[in-house]
Amino acid sequence: MNVRKYLCFAARPALGPGALWATLALLASVLLPVAPAKAGQPQLDLPRVQLQAGLHLITAQVARTPEQLSLGLMWRSSMPANEGMWFVFDAPATQCFWMKNTFLPLTAAFVADDGRIVNLADMEPLSLRSHCSAEPVRYVLEMHRGWFAERGIGAGMRLRGGPFVNAPSSAPAPR
């Protein structure tokens, strides 16, 4: 839906003030149902995947649909220490994340198709600042901020499990 088209129509000077408000109300009624059904509530019932970073096991909720991907960890007030969210996109691309409506400080690991951690980004709660992958990736793993650093896990290391069942050890990837 091209929202700009509707906004330009609503702003035409030929419409009187009453017609303008009616048009804006109609526009709002059309656009608001697009919002996620669980707006304001965390997603707690997503499927889970087991991943491994070095010797550390991770249980991650899997966000795969557009609604799940856009909601992510929003509205969560707590999360177990070794749990996170695993974002799965259709194809590798530059992925950018922000922290709108996200109360937990997080670190995002941007992960390539082979399980290699491309880069990590520490993110502040409720910030609209974008944090992007350094190269195209299909996966992003969000964990509590500092989780990776506290375990000595960094860029170049590989995750195992989930889509990386046959992946090599977590040693740094060759350059």
Protein backbone atom coordinates (compact mmCIF):
# COMPACT_ATOMS: atom_id res chain seq x y z
CA MET A 1 0.00 0.00 0.00
CA ASN A 2 1.43 3.35 -1.00
CA VAL A 3 0.76 5.52 2.05
CA ARG A 4 2.19 8.62 0.41
CA LYS A 5 -0.50 8.42 -2.29
CA TYR A 6 -3.25 8.51 0.35
CA LEU A 7 -1.60 11.29 2.33
CA CYS A 8 -1.24 13.43 -0.79
CA PHE A 9 -4.92 12.86 -1.58
CA ALA A 10 -5.91 13.81 1.98
CA ALA A 11 -3.95 17.04 1.81
CA ARG A 12 -5.57 18.38 -1.38
CA PRO A 13 -6.73 21.96 -0.79
CA ALA A 14 -10.03 21.34 -2.67
CA LEU A 15 -11.28 19.28 0.30
CA GLY A 16 -12.96 21.15 3.13
CA PRO A 17 -11.82 20.67 6.76
CA GLY A 18 -14.58 18.13 7.46
CA ALA A 19 -13.68 16.05 4.42
CA LEU A 20 -10.00 16.21 5.33
CA TRP A 21 -10.67 14.79 8.84
CA ALA A 22 -12.99 12.12 7.42
CA THR A 23 -10.30 11.11 4.94
CA LEU A 24 -7.66 10.95 7.68
CA ALA A 25 -9.97 8.86 9.88
CA LEU A 26 -10.58 6.47 6.98
CA LEU A 27 -6.83 6.27 6.34
CA ALA A 28 -6.18 5.47 10.02
CA SER A 29 -8.84 2.75 10.03
CA VAL A 30 -7.19 1.14 7.00
CA LEU A 31 -3.62 1.34 8.32
CA LEU A 32 -4.07 0.50 12.01
CA PRO A 33 -5.20 -3.12 11.49
CA VAL A 34 -1.76 -3.75 9.92
CA ALA A 35 -0.21 -3.45 13.40
CA PRO A 36 0.72 -6.76 15.09
CA ALA A 37 -2.14 -8.44 16.92
CA LYS A 38 -0.05 -8.56 20.11
CA ALA A 39 1.06 -4.91 20.17
CA GLY A 40 2.33 -4.04 23.62
CA GLN A 41 2.80 -7.68 24.63
CA PRO A 42 6.00 -9.74 24.35
CA GLN A 43 6.17 -12.84 22.17
CA LEU A 44 6.84 -15.72 24.52
CA ASP A 45 5.44 -18.68 22.59
CA LEU A 46 7.71 -18.85 19.53
CA PRO A 47 9.42 -22.09 18.49
CA ARG A 48 12.89 -22.57 19.95
CA VAL A 49 16.24 -23.67 18.60
CA GLN A 50 19.34 -24.93 20.43
CA LEU A 51 22.58 -23.22 19.40
CA GLN A 52 26.10 -23.54 20.69
CA ALA A 53 28.80 -20.87 20.91
CA GLY A 54 32.03 -22.55 21.95
CA LEU A 55 31.10 -24.61 25.02
CA HIS A 56 28.06 -22.47 25.79
CA LEU A 57 24.52 -23.64 25.03
CA ILE A 58 21.89 -21.15 23.92
CA THR A 59 18.13 -21.61 23.76
CA ALA A 60 16.71 -19.07 21.35
CA GLN A 61 13.19 -18.24 20.29
CA VAL A 62 12.93 -18.26 16.49
CA ALA A 63 11.48 -15.20 14.76
CA ARG A 64 10.77 -16.00 11.11
CA THR A 65 7.55 -14.29 9.94
CA PRO A 66 7.47 -10.54 9.17
CA GLU A 67 5.38 -9.91 12.32
CA GLN A 68 7.73 -11.97 14.52
CA LEU A 69 10.80 -10.30 13.02
CA SER A 70 9.44 -6.79 13.58
CA LEU A 71 8.31 -7.49 17.16
CA GLY A 72 11.48 -9.31 18.25
CA LEU A 73 12.19 -8.88 21.96
CA MET A 74 9.99 -5.78 22.33
CA TRP A 75 8.03 -5.50 25.57
CA ARG A 76 10.13 -8.14 27.39
CA SER A 77 10.97 -7.22 30.99
CA SER A 78 13.14 -10.28 31.65
CA MET A 79 14.87 -13.14 29.87
CA PRO A 80 16.82 -16.15 31.20
CA ALA A 81 20.62 -15.81 31.11
CA ASN A 82 21.33 -18.26 28.27
CA GLU A 83 18.24 -17.46 26.22
CA GLY A 84 17.94 -15.11 23.26
CA MET A 85 16.10 -14.52 20.02
CA TRP A 86 17.19 -16.00 16.68
CA PHE A 87 16.07 -13.90 13.70
CA VAL A 88 15.87 -15.80 10.41
CA PHE A 89 15.59 -13.80 7.17
CA ASP A 90 14.78 -15.18 3.71
CA ALA A 91 18.14 -14.25 2.19
CA PRO A 92 21.43 -12.66 3.23
CA ALA A 93 21.23 -8.86 3.30
CA THR A 94 22.56 -5.99 5.38
CA GLN A 95 20.44 -6.35 8.52
CA CYS A 96 19.89 -3.34 10.80
CA PHE A 97 18.32 -3.47 14.25
CA TRP A 98 17.08 -0.86 16.72
CA MET A 99 15.66 -1.08 20.23
CA LYS A 100 12.25 0.57 19.94
CA ASN A 101 10.01 -0.68 22.81
CA THR A 102 12.80 -3.02 23.96
CA PHE A 103 13.53 -2.71 27.67
CA LEU A 104 16.45 -5.16 27.96
CA PRO A 105 20.00 -4.11 27.02
CA LEU A 106 21.08 -6.51 24.26
CA THR A 107 24.00 -7.52 22.09
CA ALA A 108 23.21 -8.50 18.51
CA ALA A 109 25.42 -11.07 16.78
CA PHE A 110 25.13 -10.82 13.01
CA VAL A 111 25.66 -14.34 11.67
CA ALA A 112 26.58 -15.55 8.15
CA ASP A 113 25.10 -18.64 6.48
CA ASP A 114 28.05 -20.77 7.64
CA GLY A 115 27.54 -19.84 11.32
CA ARG A 116 30.38 -17.29 11.42
CA ILE A 117 29.74 -14.28 13.64
CA VAL A 118 30.35 -11.35 11.31
CA ASN A 119 30.13 -8.61 13.95
CA LEU A 120 28.58 -7.81 17.31
CA ALA A 121 26.68 -4.68 18.35
CA ASP A 122 25.82 -3.61 21.90
CA MET A 123 22.43 -1.90 21.95
CA GLU A 124 20.84 0.46 24.47
CA PRO A 125 17.24 -0.08 25.62
CA LEU A 126 14.59 2.06 23.89
CA SER A 127 17.10 3.55 21.46
CA LEU A 128 16.17 4.24 17.84
CA ARG A 129 19.83 4.10 16.77
CA SER A 130 20.43 1.53 14.01
CA HIS A 131 23.00 -1.23 14.44
CA CYS A 132 23.85 -2.98 11.17
CA SER A 133 25.69 -6.04 9.97
CA ALA A 134 29.13 -5.42 8.49
CA GLU A 135 28.21 -7.65 5.54
CA PRO A 136 25.06 -9.36 4.27
CA VAL A 137 23.77 -11.98 6.74
CA ARG A 138 20.69 -14.20 7.01
CA TYR A 139 20.71 -14.59 10.81
CA VAL A 140 20.87 -12.34 13.87
CA LEU A 141 21.10 -13.60 17.45
CA GLU A 142 20.13 -11.21 20.25
CA MET A 143 21.35 -12.02 23.77
CA HIS A 144 21.70 -10.04 26.99
CA ARG A 145 24.22 -7.23 26.49
CA GLY A 146 27.69 -8.52 27.33
CA TRP A 147 26.79 -12.21 27.02
CA PHE A 148 29.25 -12.78 24.16
CA ALA A 149 32.08 -10.66 25.64
CA GLU A 150 31.80 -12.35 29.06
CA ARG A 151 32.37 -15.72 27.36
CA GLY A 152 35.16 -14.60 25.04
CA ILE A 153 33.00 -15.01 21.94
CA GLY A 154 33.64 -12.55 19.15
CA ALA A 155 33.60 -11.87 15.44
CA GLY A 156 35.03 -14.73 13.39
CA MET A 157 33.86 -17.47 15.75
CA ARG A 158 31.21 -19.91 14.56
CA LEU A 159 27.90 -20.97 16.05
CA ARG A 160 26.80 -24.61 15.90
CA GLY A 161 23.41 -26.29 16.13
CA GLY A 162 20.18 -25.22 14.47
CA PRO A 163 20.98 -24.54 10.82
CA PHE A 164 24.70 -25.21 11.47
CA VAL A 165 24.47 -28.86 12.56
CA ASN A 166 27.52 -29.84 10.48
CA ALA A 167 29.45 -26.64 11.16
CA PRO A 168 33.11 -26.85 12.22
CA SER A 169 34.19 -26.00 15.75
CA SER A 170 33.85 -22.52 17.19
CA ALA A 171 37.44 -21.62 16.35
CA PRO A 172 37.86 -18.39 14.40
CA ALA A 173 37.05 -18.75 10.72
CA PRO A 174 40.02 -18.62 8.33
CA ARG A 175 40.50 -15.25 6.67
